[in-house]
Amino acid sequence: MAFIDDLAFLLALLTAVACGLMGGLFFAFSNFVMQALARIHPEAGITAMQSINRTVLNRWFLGLFMGTTGACALLVLYALSTWEMPGTFFLLLGSLLYLLGNFAVTLACNVPRNNALARLDAGSPESVAPWRNYVEEWTRWNHVRTGTALLAAAVMIVGMCLMLTVD
């Protein structure tokens, strides 16, 4: 492999790990965090999720989320420019899975719901129905993020294995 291919392989490795981390984070939310919040009194659930949504906007989460997005964009460019190289189709597919299933879904589906939740008065009885709707819809889209992040990691690993077959 040429130097640029070695760098792309290293980037793909780090990106696959990052996709796996994001998938694990989203899995935890889908598997137990949202279920736990849905089971407690709506006022407590709303307050807790509002706090989570403010707290998650930190440099570690945003660095991982946006860094993975940027790395996937670079891998798309690499794959398109070295299409004949074994494994690049899988790097492209994995990157697109993350970009569409995580970055785009987050911006189009989860963030607007988080913004609407931020405007709810946790103590108001009128907030109960929107809260129940939020939990159901937000979690549904979070399942998409979980699956696409984990699938992206797996597909990228296949691509890296194929890259290793190059003389």
Protein backbone atom coordinates (compact mmCIF):
# COMPACT_ATOMS: atom_id res chain seq x y z
CA MET A 1 0.00 0.00 0.00
CA ALA A 2 1.12 3.55 -0.71
CA PHE A 3 1.56 6.12 2.05
CA ILE A 4 -1.86 7.69 1.40
CA ASP A 5 -3.45 4.24 1.57
CA ASP A 6 -1.69 3.60 4.88
CA LEU A 7 -3.11 6.87 6.23
CA ALA A 8 -6.56 5.95 4.93
CA PHE A 9 -6.29 2.56 6.62
CA LEU A 10 -5.38 4.23 9.93
CA LEU A 11 -8.22 6.73 9.50
CA ALA A 12 -10.64 3.88 8.73
CA LEU A 13 -9.50 2.01 11.84
CA LEU A 14 -9.99 5.03 14.09
CA THR A 15 -13.30 5.82 12.42
CA ALA A 16 -14.58 2.26 12.85
CA VAL A 17 -13.73 2.44 16.56
CA ALA A 18 -15.45 5.84 16.82
CA CYS A 19 -18.55 4.51 15.04
CA GLY A 20 -18.58 1.62 17.50
CA LEU A 21 -18.34 4.03 20.43
CA MET A 22 -21.21 6.11 19.08
CA GLY A 23 -23.25 2.96 18.50
CA GLY A 24 -22.60 1.85 22.07
CA LEU A 25 -23.62 5.21 23.45
CA PHE A 26 -26.82 5.23 21.42
CA PHE A 27 -27.48 1.59 22.37
CA ALA A 28 -27.30 2.48 26.07
CA PHE A 29 -29.87 5.21 25.58
CA SER A 30 -32.20 2.97 23.58
CA ASN A 31 -31.75 -0.04 25.82
CA PHE A 32 -32.14 1.43 29.29
CA VAL A 33 -31.81 5.20 29.71
CA MET A 34 -34.96 6.15 27.81
CA GLN A 35 -36.88 3.21 29.26
CA ALA A 36 -35.93 4.30 32.78
CA LEU A 37 -36.92 7.90 32.09
CA ALA A 38 -40.26 6.76 30.67
CA ARG A 39 -41.02 4.77 33.84
CA ILE A 40 -40.58 7.60 36.31
CA HIS A 41 -42.98 10.48 36.93
CA PRO A 42 -43.19 12.64 33.78
CA GLU A 43 -41.97 15.75 35.58
CA ALA A 44 -38.84 13.91 36.72
CA GLY A 45 -38.31 12.33 33.29
CA ILE A 46 -38.65 15.65 31.49
CA THR A 47 -36.32 17.39 33.93
CA ALA A 48 -33.74 14.61 33.68
CA MET A 49 -33.78 14.53 29.87
CA GLN A 50 -33.59 18.32 29.65
CA SER A 51 -30.49 18.13 31.85
CA ILE A 52 -29.00 15.31 29.77
CA ASN A 53 -29.56 17.30 26.58
CA ARG A 54 -27.71 20.29 28.03
CA THR A 55 -24.91 18.20 29.53
CA VAL A 56 -24.23 16.14 26.40
CA LEU A 57 -23.16 19.28 24.54
CA ASN A 58 -19.60 19.02 25.81
CA ARG A 59 -16.27 18.81 24.03
CA TRP A 60 -15.88 15.04 24.49
CA PHE A 61 -19.23 14.07 23.02
CA LEU A 62 -19.22 16.74 20.32
CA GLY A 63 -15.58 15.93 19.49
CA LEU A 64 -16.41 12.25 19.03
CA PHE A 65 -19.66 12.89 17.16
CA MET A 66 -18.34 15.62 14.86
CA GLY A 67 -14.89 14.05 14.55
CA THR A 68 -16.47 10.81 13.35
CA THR A 69 -18.59 12.81 10.91
CA GLY A 70 -15.50 14.55 9.54
CA ALA A 71 -13.54 11.31 9.32
CA CYS A 72 -16.40 9.68 7.41
CA ALA A 73 -16.47 12.60 4.98
CA LEU A 74 -12.72 12.14 4.38
CA LEU A 75 -13.19 8.41 3.84
CA VAL A 76 -15.93 9.12 1.28
CA LEU A 77 -13.48 11.31 -0.65
CA TYR A 78 -10.74 8.67 -0.36
CA ALA A 79 -13.06 5.88 -1.51
CA LEU A 80 -14.31 7.85 -4.50
CA SER A 81 -10.77 8.78 -5.55
CA THR A 82 -9.39 5.22 -5.19
CA TRP A 83 -12.44 3.30 -6.33
CA GLU A 84 -10.38 0.47 -7.87
CA MET A 85 -8.65 -0.29 -4.54
CA PRO A 86 -10.03 -3.35 -2.74
CA GLY A 87 -12.18 -2.43 0.24
CA THR A 88 -13.00 1.13 -0.77
CA PHE A 89 -16.63 0.25 -1.54
CA PHE A 90 -17.01 -0.87 2.08
CA LEU A 91 -15.30 2.27 3.41
CA LEU A 92 -17.71 4.31 1.31
CA LEU A 93 -20.73 2.31 2.45
CA GLY A 94 -19.74 2.46 6.13
CA SER A 95 -19.10 6.18 5.93
CA LEU A 96 -22.43 6.85 4.24
CA LEU A 97 -24.21 4.73 6.84
CA TYR A 98 -22.79 6.91 9.59
CA LEU A 99 -23.28 10.21 7.76
CA LEU A 100 -26.91 9.48 6.89
CA GLY A 101 -27.92 7.30 9.82
CA ASN A 102 -26.22 9.30 12.55
CA PHE A 103 -25.32 12.81 11.52
CA ALA A 104 -28.36 13.46 9.29
CA VAL A 105 -30.81 11.63 11.58
CA THR A 106 -29.49 13.53 14.60
CA LEU A 107 -29.93 16.89 12.89
CA ALA A 108 -33.28 16.11 11.26
CA CYS A 109 -34.97 13.98 13.94
CA ASN A 110 -33.38 14.01 17.39
CA VAL A 111 -32.23 17.63 17.72
CA PRO A 112 -35.63 19.14 16.80
CA ARG A 113 -37.27 16.89 19.39
CA ASN A 114 -34.66 17.93 21.96
CA ASN A 115 -35.35 21.58 21.18
CA ALA A 116 -39.10 21.04 21.61
CA LEU A 117 -38.47 19.22 24.90
CA ALA A 118 -36.35 22.13 26.14
CA ARG A 119 -39.39 24.41 25.79
CA LEU A 120 -41.64 22.16 27.92
CA ASP A 121 -42.50 23.15 31.48
CA ALA A 122 -41.73 19.93 33.35
CA GLY A 123 -44.26 20.74 36.06
CA SER A 124 -47.16 21.42 33.73
CA PRO A 125 -49.82 18.71 33.27
CA GLU A 126 -49.95 19.71 29.58
CA SER A 127 -46.36 18.46 29.21
CA VAL A 128 -47.22 14.81 29.90
CA ALA A 129 -48.56 13.96 26.42
CA PRO A 130 -45.69 15.69 24.55
CA TRP A 131 -43.24 13.91 26.88
CA ARG A 132 -44.71 10.48 26.11
CA ASN A 133 -44.61 11.29 22.40
CA TYR A 134 -41.01 12.54 22.72
CA VAL A 135 -39.85 9.33 24.40
CA GLU A 136 -41.44 7.15 21.71
CA GLU A 137 -40.29 9.14 18.67
CA TRP A 138 -36.84 10.10 19.97
CA THR A 139 -36.12 6.50 20.92
CA ARG A 140 -37.30 5.22 17.52
CA TRP A 141 -34.82 7.49 15.76
CA ASN A 142 -32.15 6.60 18.29
CA HIS A 143 -32.58 2.94 17.32
CA VAL A 144 -31.74 4.01 13.76
CA ARG A 145 -28.61 5.77 15.00
CA THR A 146 -27.61 2.72 17.05
CA GLY A 147 -27.99 0.29 14.17
CA THR A 148 -26.33 2.44 11.53
CA ALA A 149 -23.34 3.32 13.73
CA LEU A 150 -22.69 -0.32 14.61
CA LEU A 151 -23.24 -1.46 11.02
CA ALA A 152 -20.92 1.31 9.79
CA ALA A 153 -18.18 0.04 12.11
CA ALA A 154 -18.62 -3.55 10.91
CA VAL A 155 -18.67 -2.58 7.22
CA MET A 156 -15.54 -0.46 7.63
CA ILE A 157 -13.76 -3.40 9.24
CA VAL A 158 -14.63 -5.52 6.20
CA GLY A 159 -13.20 -2.78 4.00
CA MET A 160 -9.98 -2.66 6.02
CA CYS A 161 -9.60 -6.44 5.78
CA LEU A 162 -9.93 -6.20 2.00
CA MET A 163 -7.39 -3.36 1.92
CA LEU A 164 -4.87 -5.69 3.55
CA THR A 165 -5.08 -8.04 0.58
CA VAL A 166 -3.28 -5.45 -1.60
CA ASP A 167 0.37 -6.28 -2.33
